[in-house]
Amino acid sequence: MLGKAFFILKSYKQQTMKKVDYITKNFSMVTDTISDIIDIPKGKIIRVAIFNSEAPTKEVDILLKDHSNNTIVPATNYKDWKDGSGEYLERKKPVSIKGGNYVKLIANSEVAQTTPFNFQVLFVVDQSEIE
């Protein structure tokens, strides 16, 4: 799956002359809450998406916090983060988050999952305005 994503991003770079980087992080949720820190390179996060092969056994909300623990993307259902339809970048959840630091992803459900909810998060970082 990621090989295809890299190829499409590479094609996107060539077509738009933008420098785009992507960061991925894998998660496995078995409790009611998990969190992890993701280092983001300089630039601006312009899109995020979640990829999963199986649905969670209990509903999951996902939010992002910045390095100062401020909420930068409020909690919404994981389905709002799923890859949509259309062109590659347009299928991702639009965001505008300054890079060059880390973000903290938090996934919550009201109760623990009965089987692991495995998912991958993709961050698309526009680096075209970095000097």
Protein backbone atom coordinates (compact mmCIF):
# COMPACT_ATOMS: atom_id res chain seq x y z
CA MET A 1 0.00 0.00 0.00
CA LEU A 2 2.75 2.48 0.88
CA GLY A 3 4.67 1.74 -2.32
CA LYS A 4 1.63 2.90 -4.27
CA ALA A 5 1.28 5.98 -2.04
CA PHE A 6 4.93 6.88 -2.65
CA PHE A 7 4.50 6.53 -6.42
CA ILE A 8 1.41 8.72 -6.44
CA LEU A 9 3.08 11.33 -4.23
CA LYS A 10 6.10 11.26 -6.50
CA SER A 11 3.80 11.84 -9.47
CA TYR A 12 2.11 14.66 -7.56
CA LYS A 13 5.49 16.30 -6.92
CA GLN A 14 6.38 16.13 -10.59
CA GLN A 15 3.05 17.55 -11.74
CA THR A 16 2.81 20.45 -9.29
CA MET A 17 6.51 21.19 -8.75
CA LYS A 18 5.89 21.13 -4.99
CA LYS A 19 8.18 19.40 -2.58
CA VAL A 20 5.99 17.01 -0.63
CA ASP A 21 7.10 14.62 2.07
CA TYR A 22 5.06 12.05 3.91
CA ILE A 23 5.31 10.58 7.39
CA THR A 24 3.58 7.38 8.46
CA LYS A 25 3.03 5.87 11.88
CA ASN A 26 1.50 2.50 12.75
CA PHE A 27 -0.80 2.03 15.74
CA SER A 28 -2.38 -0.97 17.45
CA MET A 29 -5.17 -0.10 19.85
CA VAL A 30 -6.38 -2.66 22.39
CA THR A 31 -7.14 -0.34 25.33
CA ASP A 32 -9.59 2.55 25.50
CA THR A 33 -6.90 5.19 24.83
CA ILE A 34 -3.57 5.23 23.02
CA SER A 35 -1.27 8.08 22.10
CA ASP A 36 2.09 8.59 20.49
CA ILE A 37 4.30 11.41 19.32
CA ILE A 38 5.15 11.84 15.64
CA ASP A 39 8.10 13.99 14.55
CA ILE A 40 7.10 16.23 11.66
CA PRO A 41 9.73 17.78 9.36
CA LYS A 42 9.79 21.49 8.53
CA GLY A 43 6.97 22.61 6.31
CA LYS A 44 3.22 22.46 6.73
CA ILE A 45 1.02 19.41 7.21
CA ILE A 46 -1.63 19.81 4.53
CA ARG A 47 -3.40 16.43 4.64
CA VAL A 48 -3.79 13.46 6.98
CA ALA A 49 -5.40 10.05 6.47
CA ILE A 50 -5.94 6.79 8.29
CA PHE A 51 -5.66 3.41 6.64
CA ASN A 52 -7.05 0.29 8.29
CA SER A 53 -8.12 -3.11 7.04
CA GLU A 54 -10.67 -3.92 9.75
CA ALA A 55 -13.05 -1.68 11.66
CA PRO A 56 -12.59 -1.26 15.40
CA THR A 57 -14.89 -3.28 17.67
CA LYS A 58 -15.80 -0.05 19.52
CA GLU A 59 -16.06 3.43 17.98
CA VAL A 60 -12.80 5.41 18.03
CA ASP A 61 -12.25 9.17 18.02
CA ILE A 62 -8.91 10.65 16.98
CA LEU A 63 -7.41 14.03 17.76
CA LEU A 64 -4.07 15.81 17.32
CA LYS A 65 -2.25 17.99 19.82
CA ASP A 66 0.79 20.17 19.23
CA HIS A 67 4.09 20.14 21.14
CA SER A 68 2.54 22.48 23.76
CA ASN A 69 -0.36 20.05 24.30
CA ASN A 70 -2.86 22.36 22.59
CA THR A 71 -5.55 20.63 20.51
CA ILE A 72 -4.90 21.40 16.85
CA VAL A 73 -7.38 18.94 15.31
CA PRO A 74 -10.40 18.29 17.55
CA ALA A 75 -11.56 14.75 18.24
CA THR A 76 -13.66 13.26 15.47
CA ASN A 77 -14.61 9.71 14.54
CA TYR A 78 -11.82 7.75 12.85
CA LYS A 79 -14.03 7.48 9.73
CA ASP A 80 -13.58 11.25 9.21
CA TRP A 81 -9.84 10.54 8.82
CA LYS A 82 -10.26 7.72 6.29
CA ASP A 83 -9.07 8.01 2.73
CA GLY A 84 -11.94 9.35 0.61
CA SER A 85 -12.56 9.46 -3.13
CA GLY A 86 -11.10 11.66 -5.87
CA GLU A 87 -7.53 12.67 -6.65
CA TYR A 88 -4.85 11.30 -4.33
CA LEU A 89 -4.34 14.37 -2.11
CA GLU A 90 -7.97 15.43 -2.21
CA ARG A 91 -8.94 12.07 -0.66
CA LYS A 92 -7.12 13.00 2.56
CA LYS A 93 -8.46 15.06 5.48
CA PRO A 94 -7.41 18.70 4.88
CA VAL A 95 -5.48 20.37 7.70
CA SER A 96 -3.08 23.27 8.02
CA ILE A 97 -0.52 22.58 10.74
CA LYS A 98 2.95 24.07 11.01
CA GLY A 99 5.66 21.43 10.85
CA GLY A 100 9.17 21.42 12.26
CA ASN A 101 8.14 19.95 15.59
CA TYR A 102 6.08 17.02 16.76
CA VAL A 103 2.39 16.28 17.00
CA LYS A 104 0.71 13.93 19.42
CA LEU A 105 -1.99 11.64 18.07
CA ILE A 106 -4.54 10.43 20.61
CA ALA A 107 -7.14 7.74 19.87
CA ASN A 108 -9.99 7.25 22.36
CA SER A 109 -12.95 4.94 22.70
CA GLU A 110 -15.44 4.67 25.56
CA VAL A 111 -14.27 1.14 26.38
CA ALA A 112 -11.35 -1.08 25.41
CA GLN A 113 -11.35 -2.80 22.03
CA THR A 114 -12.19 -6.51 22.12
CA THR A 115 -9.70 -7.16 19.29
CA PRO A 116 -6.78 -4.92 18.29
CA PHE A 117 -7.67 -1.98 16.05
CA ASN A 118 -4.62 -1.67 13.79
CA PHE A 119 -4.27 1.44 11.69
CA GLN A 120 -1.69 3.59 9.96
CA VAL A 121 -1.70 7.38 9.89
CA LEU A 122 -0.30 9.28 6.93
CA PHE A 123 0.79 12.92 7.22
CA VAL A 124 1.36 14.82 3.96
CA VAL A 125 3.85 17.65 4.52
CA ASP A 126 4.25 20.47 1.98
CA GLN A 127 7.89 21.57 2.05
CA SER A 128 7.80 23.80 -1.02
CA GLU A 129 8.16 27.04 0.95
CA ILE A 130 11.16 26.00 3.05
CA GLU A 131 14.27 28.04 2.38
